[in-house]
Amino acid sequence: MKEFYKKLFKLQGLTFTKNADNPFFKSSYLTLEKLLHELNPILKENNLLLFHYTENKEVVTKLVDLDNEQSLISAFPIQDNIEPQKIGSAITYAKRYNIGQLFNIITDKDDDGNIASTQNTPQKAPQAPVSSETDLVCSVCGTKGKISQAGKPYCPQLCWKQDPSCKMVSPTEYNKEKTEEEINFEADMPAEK
């Protein structure tokens, strides 16, 4: 393993210039294409093989020393419930991140995390935890709500299509809107099978 580590020591801190812009975050980044274009000749010169695969919802990047068949890996998790159109982007990001980890690649000056803590990072509104059901009920029909892929509660009976006053409320708020007679009638009804 000593010879493998010597090769890595020689390559530690490779510096690359960012070549693409992310307008959403108002930042720049190094594309995977440019990174590999510049890194591959260095890998060949040092008899190192770099490849990627997925395993257990992770993108794994493996670096193999062809002289002695020793290897190192870096793994990056892929989020669950990601839209199929975004999986490719997530995998590309994971590959780039893994390569950076393996080679300690530097792409810019260290800002001590200042950019990450500024208002440049888009703020997301708090969302309900994603699950299949919620404790809320429909204000029109009283059906227990479901959670959408966007993490928002909705009426599975789609009452909102017919009644614009449909909203998700707590069960106690729903019962407040009913008369005592309606509540007693529903309590006496047999459960659905």
C-alpha atoms as a PDB file:
ATOM      1  CA  MET A   1       0.000   0.000   0.000  1.00  0.00           C
ATOM      2  CA  LYS A   2       2.997   2.258   0.597  1.00  0.00           C
ATOM      3  CA  GLU A   3       3.727   2.694  -3.136  1.00  0.00           C
ATOM      4  CA  PHE A   4       0.064   3.493  -3.822  1.00  0.00           C
ATOM      5  CA  TYR A   5       0.083   6.166  -1.114  1.00  0.00           C
ATOM      6  CA  LYS A   6       3.284   7.638  -2.559  1.00  0.00           C
ATOM      7  CA  LYS A   7       1.513   8.070  -5.901  1.00  0.00           C
ATOM      8  CA  LEU A   8      -1.436   9.744  -4.182  1.00  0.00           C
ATOM      9  CA  PHE A   9       0.872  11.970  -2.166  1.00  0.00           C
ATOM     10  CA  LYS A  10       2.414  13.178  -5.412  1.00  0.00           C
ATOM     11  CA  LEU A  11      -1.060  14.021  -6.773  1.00  0.00           C
ATOM     12  CA  GLN A  12      -2.544  15.596  -3.625  1.00  0.00           C
ATOM     13  CA  GLY A  13      -3.816  19.136  -4.025  1.00  0.00           C
ATOM     14  CA  LEU A  14      -4.151  19.157  -7.802  1.00  0.00           C
ATOM     15  CA  THR A  15      -5.569  22.537  -8.795  1.00  0.00           C
ATOM     16  CA  PHE A  16      -8.202  23.038 -11.480  1.00  0.00           C
ATOM     17  CA  THR A  17     -10.004  26.157 -12.685  1.00  0.00           C
ATOM     18  CA  LYS A  18     -13.782  26.247 -12.534  1.00  0.00           C
ATOM     19  CA  ASN A  19     -15.235  26.419 -16.029  1.00  0.00           C
ATOM     20  CA  ALA A  20     -19.028  26.607 -15.690  1.00  0.00           C
ATOM     21  CA  ASP A  21     -21.592  28.843 -14.005  1.00  0.00           C
ATOM     22  CA  ASN A  22     -24.617  27.915 -11.925  1.00  0.00           C
ATOM     23  CA  PRO A  23     -27.067  30.830 -12.343  1.00  0.00           C
ATOM     24  CA  PHE A  24     -29.389  29.482  -9.641  1.00  0.00           C
ATOM     25  CA  PHE A  25     -26.756  29.707  -6.909  1.00  0.00           C
ATOM     26  CA  LYS A  26     -24.769  32.493  -8.651  1.00  0.00           C
ATOM     27  CA  SER A  27     -21.620  30.408  -8.415  1.00  0.00           C
ATOM     28  CA  SER A  28     -19.142  28.644 -10.652  1.00  0.00           C
ATOM     29  CA  TYR A  29     -18.020  25.037 -10.652  1.00  0.00           C
ATOM     30  CA  LEU A  30     -15.705  22.569 -12.352  1.00  0.00           C
ATOM     31  CA  THR A  31     -17.550  20.285 -14.762  1.00  0.00           C
ATOM     32  CA  LEU A  32     -16.964  16.552 -14.633  1.00  0.00           C
ATOM     33  CA  GLU A  33     -16.020  16.628 -18.326  1.00  0.00           C
ATOM     34  CA  LYS A  34     -13.221  19.172 -17.782  1.00  0.00           C
ATOM     35  CA  LEU A  35     -12.055  17.461 -14.599  1.00  0.00           C
ATOM     36  CA  LEU A  36     -11.704  14.098 -16.355  1.00  0.00           C
ATOM     37  CA  HIS A  37     -10.140  15.692 -19.457  1.00  0.00           C
ATOM     38  CA  GLU A  38      -7.367  17.153 -17.305  1.00  0.00           C
ATOM     39  CA  LEU A  39      -7.112  14.275 -14.825  1.00  0.00           C
ATOM     40  CA  ASN A  40      -7.011  11.288 -17.211  1.00  0.00           C
ATOM     41  CA  PRO A  41      -3.492  11.982 -18.598  1.00  0.00           C
ATOM     42  CA  ILE A  42      -2.198  12.292 -15.007  1.00  0.00           C
ATOM     43  CA  LEU A  43      -3.859   8.980 -14.086  1.00  0.00           C
ATOM     44  CA  LYS A  44      -2.338   7.213 -17.116  1.00  0.00           C
ATOM     45  CA  GLU A  45       1.086   8.639 -16.350  1.00  0.00           C
ATOM     46  CA  ASN A  46       0.874   7.178 -12.836  1.00  0.00           C
ATOM     47  CA  ASN A  47      -0.710   3.881 -13.917  1.00  0.00           C
ATOM     48  CA  LEU A  48      -3.945   4.569 -11.991  1.00  0.00           C
ATOM     49  CA  LEU A  49      -7.444   3.500 -13.025  1.00  0.00           C
ATOM     50  CA  LEU A  50     -10.516   5.491 -11.977  1.00  0.00           C
ATOM     51  CA  PHE A  51     -14.059   4.195 -12.436  1.00  0.00           C
ATOM     52  CA  HIS A  52     -17.546   4.610 -11.004  1.00  0.00           C
ATOM     53  CA  TYR A  53     -20.472   2.330 -10.169  1.00  0.00           C
ATOM     54  CA  THR A  54     -23.632   2.474  -8.079  1.00  0.00           C
ATOM     55  CA  GLU A  55     -24.279   0.277  -5.065  1.00  0.00           C
ATOM     56  CA  ASN A  56     -26.802   0.523  -2.214  1.00  0.00           C
ATOM     57  CA  LYS A  57     -28.115   3.919  -3.376  1.00  0.00           C
ATOM     58  CA  GLU A  58     -24.587   5.350  -3.528  1.00  0.00           C
ATOM     59  CA  VAL A  59     -22.318   6.402  -6.367  1.00  0.00           C
ATOM     60  CA  VAL A  60     -18.987   4.720  -5.660  1.00  0.00           C
ATOM     61  CA  THR A  61     -15.767   5.938  -7.264  1.00  0.00           C
ATOM     62  CA  LYS A  62     -12.880   3.503  -7.160  1.00  0.00           C
ATOM     63  CA  LEU A  63      -9.226   4.347  -7.736  1.00  0.00           C
ATOM     64  CA  VAL A  64      -7.009   1.336  -8.510  1.00  0.00           C
ATOM     65  CA  ASP A  65      -3.213   1.250  -8.657  1.00  0.00           C
ATOM     66  CA  LEU A  66      -2.562  -1.029 -11.637  1.00  0.00           C
ATOM     67  CA  ASP A  67       0.984  -1.739 -10.467  1.00  0.00           C
ATOM     68  CA  ASN A  68      -0.116  -3.535  -7.306  1.00  0.00           C
ATOM     69  CA  GLU A  69      -3.940  -3.792  -7.589  1.00  0.00           C
ATOM     70  CA  GLN A  70      -4.531  -1.844  -4.402  1.00  0.00           C
ATOM     71  CA  SER A  71      -7.474   0.505  -4.330  1.00  0.00           C
ATOM     72  CA  LEU A  72      -9.355   3.263  -2.531  1.00  0.00           C
ATOM     73  CA  ILE A  73     -13.002   4.229  -2.821  1.00  0.00           C
ATOM     74  CA  SER A  74     -15.163   7.260  -2.144  1.00  0.00           C
ATOM     75  CA  ALA A  75     -18.944   6.917  -1.935  1.00  0.00           C
ATOM     76  CA  PHE A  76     -21.665   9.566  -2.185  1.00  0.00           C
ATOM     77  CA  PRO A  77     -25.325   8.811  -1.331  1.00  0.00           C
ATOM     78  CA  ILE A  78     -28.125   9.476  -3.820  1.00  0.00           C
ATOM     79  CA  GLN A  79     -31.309  10.835  -2.277  1.00  0.00           C
ATOM     80  CA  ASP A  80     -34.431   8.719  -2.176  1.00  0.00           C
ATOM     81  CA  ASN A  81     -37.521   9.953  -4.033  1.00  0.00           C
ATOM     82  CA  ILE A  82     -35.498  11.901  -6.592  1.00  0.00           C
ATOM     83  CA  GLU A  83     -37.213  12.621  -9.900  1.00  0.00           C
ATOM     84  CA  PRO A  84     -35.931  10.393 -12.732  1.00  0.00           C
ATOM     85  CA  GLN A  85     -34.913  13.425 -14.798  1.00  0.00           C
ATOM     86  CA  LYS A  86     -32.625  14.590 -11.977  1.00  0.00           C
ATOM     87  CA  ILE A  87     -30.894  11.271 -11.290  1.00  0.00           C
ATOM     88  CA  GLY A  88     -28.285  11.860 -14.021  1.00  0.00           C
ATOM     89  CA  SER A  89     -27.392  15.247 -12.549  1.00  0.00           C
ATOM     90  CA  ALA A  90     -27.137  13.761  -9.073  1.00  0.00           C
ATOM     91  CA  ILE A  91     -24.835  10.990 -10.328  1.00  0.00           C
ATOM     92  CA  THR A  92     -22.623  13.496 -12.167  1.00  0.00           C
ATOM     93  CA  TYR A  93     -22.373  15.620  -9.019  1.00  0.00           C
ATOM     94  CA  ALA A  94     -21.531  12.530  -6.944  1.00  0.00           C
ATOM     95  CA  LYS A  95     -18.769  11.464  -9.353  1.00  0.00           C
ATOM     96  CA  ARG A  96     -17.223  14.943  -9.267  1.00  0.00           C
ATOM     97  CA  TYR A  97     -17.460  15.049  -5.468  1.00  0.00           C
ATOM     98  CA  ASN A  98     -15.892  11.583  -5.083  1.00  0.00           C
ATOM     99  CA  ILE A  99     -12.968  12.465  -7.364  1.00  0.00           C
ATOM    100  CA  GLY A 100     -12.384  15.626  -5.363  1.00  0.00           C
ATOM    101  CA  GLN A 101     -12.341  13.561  -2.171  1.00  0.00           C
ATOM    102  CA  LEU A 102      -9.915  10.952  -3.499  1.00  0.00           C
ATOM    103  CA  PHE A 103      -7.408  13.463  -4.860  1.00  0.00           C
ATOM    104  CA  ASN A 104      -8.000  16.393  -2.494  1.00  0.00           C
ATOM    105  CA  ILE A 105      -8.643  18.541  -5.561  1.00  0.00           C
ATOM    106  CA  ILE A 106      -8.636  22.297  -5.094  1.00  0.00           C
ATOM    107  CA  THR A 107     -10.887  24.372  -7.364  1.00  0.00           C
ATOM    108  CA  ASP A 108     -10.769  27.769  -5.628  1.00  0.00           C
ATOM    109  CA  LYS A 109      -9.528  29.687  -2.632  1.00  0.00           C
ATOM    110  CA  ASP A 110     -10.881  28.498   0.720  1.00  0.00           C
ATOM    111  CA  ASP A 111     -13.490  31.013   1.920  1.00  0.00           C
ATOM    112  CA  ASP A 112     -13.916  29.289   5.311  1.00  0.00           C
ATOM    113  CA  GLY A 113     -17.531  28.439   4.460  1.00  0.00           C
ATOM    114  CA  ASN A 114     -18.598  32.073   4.068  1.00  0.00           C
ATOM    115  CA  ILE A 115     -20.386  31.570   0.748  1.00  0.00           C
ATOM    116  CA  ALA A 116     -22.349  28.653   2.169  1.00  0.00           C
ATOM    117  CA  SER A 117     -23.557  30.794   5.059  1.00  0.00           C
ATOM    118  CA  THR A 118     -24.583  33.878   3.049  1.00  0.00           C
ATOM    119  CA  GLN A 119     -27.953  34.715   1.580  1.00  0.00           C
ATOM    120  CA  ASN A 120     -26.786  33.449  -1.862  1.00  0.00           C
ATOM    121  CA  THR A 121     -28.106  30.041  -0.858  1.00  0.00           C
ATOM    122  CA  PRO A 122     -31.801  29.861  -1.773  1.00  0.00           C
ATOM    123  CA  GLN A 123     -33.987  29.442   1.272  1.00  0.00           C
ATOM    124  CA  LYS A 124     -36.667  26.768   1.100  1.00  0.00           C
ATOM    125  CA  ALA A 125     -39.946  27.119   2.892  1.00  0.00           C
ATOM    126  CA  PRO A 126     -40.354  24.570   5.668  1.00  0.00           C
ATOM    127  CA  GLN A 127     -42.174  21.484   4.455  1.00  0.00           C
ATOM    128  CA  ALA A 128     -44.104  18.802   6.254  1.00  0.00           C
ATOM    129  CA  PRO A 129     -42.213  15.541   6.628  1.00  0.00           C
ATOM    130  CA  VAL A 130     -42.723  13.342   3.600  1.00  0.00           C
ATOM    131  CA  SER A 131     -44.858  10.327   4.354  1.00  0.00           C
ATOM    132  CA  SER A 132     -47.840   8.692   2.752  1.00  0.00           C
ATOM    133  CA  GLU A 133     -50.398  10.094   5.211  1.00  0.00           C
ATOM    134  CA  THR A 134     -50.818  13.086   7.484  1.00  0.00           C
ATOM    135  CA  ASP A 135     -52.784  13.779  10.650  1.00  0.00           C
ATOM    136  CA  LEU A 136     -54.768  16.444   8.801  1.00  0.00           C
ATOM    137  CA  VAL A 137     -58.213  15.831   7.327  1.00  0.00           C
ATOM    138  CA  CYS A 138     -60.156  17.416   4.470  1.00  0.00           C
ATOM    139  CA  SER A 139     -62.391  20.281   5.659  1.00  0.00           C
ATOM    140  CA  VAL A 140     -65.104  19.211   3.159  1.00  0.00           C
ATOM    141  CA  CYS A 141     -65.290  15.417   3.390  1.00  0.00           C
ATOM    142  CA  GLY A 142     -63.231  14.628   6.508  1.00  0.00           C
ATOM    143  CA  THR A 143     -61.011  12.119   4.686  1.00  0.00           C
ATOM    144  CA  LYS A 144     -57.554  11.671   6.188  1.00  0.00           C
ATOM    145  CA  GLY A 145     -55.058  13.578   4.045  1.00  0.00           C
ATOM    146  CA  LYS A 146     -52.189  12.216   1.982  1.00  0.00           C
ATOM    147  CA  ILE A 147     -48.782  13.815   1.394  1.00  0.00           C
ATOM    148  CA  SER A 148     -47.851  14.786  -2.174  1.00  0.00           C
ATOM    149  CA  GLN A 149     -44.389  14.237  -3.691  1.00  0.00           C
ATOM    150  CA  ALA A 150     -43.772  17.917  -2.989  1.00  0.00           C
ATOM    151  CA  GLY A 151     -44.373  17.203   0.713  1.00  0.00           C
ATOM    152  CA  LYS A 152     -47.707  19.028   0.933  1.00  0.00           C
ATOM    153  CA  PRO A 153     -50.929  17.578   2.378  1.00  0.00           C
ATOM    154  CA  TYR A 154     -53.930  17.118   0.076  1.00  0.00           C
ATOM    155  CA  CYS A 155     -57.373  15.512   0.045  1.00  0.00           C
ATOM    156  CA  PRO A 156     -57.199  12.108  -1.708  1.00  0.00           C
ATOM    157  CA  GLN A 157     -60.914  12.471  -2.622  1.00  0.00           C
ATOM    158  CA  LEU A 158     -59.932  15.607  -4.602  1.00  0.00           C
ATOM    159  CA  CYS A 159     -62.728  17.682  -3.042  1.00  0.00           C
ATOM    160  CA  TRP A 160     -60.832  20.842  -3.972  1.00  0.00           C
ATOM    161  CA  LYS A 161     -61.822  20.246  -7.616  1.00  0.00           C
ATOM    162  CA  GLN A 162     -65.505  20.654  -6.701  1.00  0.00           C
ATOM    163  CA  ASP A 163     -65.313  22.902  -3.651  1.00  0.00           C
ATOM    164  CA  PRO A 164     -62.747  25.745  -3.518  1.00  0.00           C
ATOM    165  CA  SER A 165     -63.160  25.953   0.270  1.00  0.00           C
ATOM    166  CA  CYS A 166     -61.469  22.542   0.602  1.00  0.00           C
ATOM    167  CA  LYS A 167     -58.399  22.733   2.809  1.00  0.00           C
ATOM    168  CA  MET A 168     -56.530  20.433   5.131  1.00  0.00           C
ATOM    169  CA  VAL A 169     -57.354  20.976   8.809  1.00  0.00           C
ATOM    170  CA  SER A 170     -56.801  19.224  12.113  1.00  0.00           C
ATOM    171  CA  PRO A 171     -59.465  16.651  13.063  1.00  0.00           C
ATOM    172  CA  THR A 172     -60.629  18.844  15.961  1.00  0.00           C
ATOM    173  CA  GLU A 173     -61.029  21.842  13.632  1.00  0.00           C
ATOM    174  CA  TYR A 174     -63.016  19.659  11.212  1.00  0.00           C
ATOM    175  CA  ASN A 175     -65.315  18.469  13.997  1.00  0.00           C
ATOM    176  CA  LYS A 176     -65.913  22.049  15.193  1.00  0.00           C
ATOM    177  CA  GLU A 177     -67.520  22.851  11.843  1.00  0.00           C
ATOM    178  CA  LYS A 178     -70.059  20.015  12.231  1.00  0.00           C
ATOM    179  CA  THR A 179     -73.139  20.033  14.348  1.00  0.00           C
ATOM    180  CA  GLU A 180     -73.324  17.704  17.328  1.00  0.00           C
ATOM    181  CA  GLU A 181     -75.977  15.681  15.483  1.00  0.00           C
ATOM    182  CA  GLU A 182     -73.619  15.055  12.498  1.00  0.00           C
ATOM    183  CA  ILE A 183     -70.791  13.967  14.796  1.00  0.00           C
ATOM    184  CA  ASN A 184     -73.042  11.517  16.675  1.00  0.00           C
ATOM    185  CA  PHE A 185     -74.419  10.118  13.394  1.00  0.00           C
ATOM    186  CA  GLU A 186     -70.904   9.462  12.031  1.00  0.00           C
ATOM    187  CA  ALA A 187     -69.844   7.843  15.324  1.00  0.00           C
ATOM    188  CA  ASP A 188     -72.706   5.332  15.036  1.00  0.00           C
ATOM    189  CA  MET A 189     -71.828   4.388  11.428  1.00  0.00           C
ATOM    190  CA  PRO A 190     -70.137   0.956  10.953  1.00  0.00           C
ATOM    191  CA  ALA A 191     -66.472   1.084   9.949  1.00  0.00           C
ATOM    192  CA  GLU A 192     -65.626   0.496   6.277  1.00  0.00           C
ATOM    193  CA  LYS A 193     -64.129  -2.864   5.388  1.00  0.00           C
END
